[in-house]
Amino acid sequence: MKDKLTKARTCVYNINYHIVWTVKYRHKILTGKVEDYLKLELLNIAKEKDFIIHAMECNEDHIHLFVSAHPKISPSYIVKMCKGISGRRLFIKFPEISKKLWKNTLWNSSFYIETIGSTSEVNIKRYIENQKRKE
């Protein structure tokens, strides 16, 4: 558990997210050079915006990320930066993909996000419920 903790100036944390989003209209464009470039750009965005991508994988029409971030960085900000910047950079690098999509919108507007921690929901509830008993 201790090795998963990150120490910052004002806090110690272990905040992780599983994030998934899809290509608009579920077009299967995240393959080959597009996939490779997207992964590289997402790592660059994470470095620029000060969060960490531990793992990522594309599946032709959607992408999964496992991300850690400081508590000051909201999960919606992470998604907004990843989708917005990567979409713009992909259209510049691969202008042919804009012909497959209407209005030059690469990503679907929605996304899936889930928090991931080292402790299960059941254990957290049990721990909180038992706090009074320890006093």
Foldseek 3Di string as FASTA:
>chain_A
DVVQWDDDPPDIDRWKKKKKWWWVVLAQDCDDPLVVVLVVVLCVLCVVVPKDWPDKDDDRTMIITIIGHDPVQDPVNSVCSSQVVSLVVSCVVPVVVCVVPPPSRTTDPDMDMDIDDPDDPVVVVVVVVCPVVVD
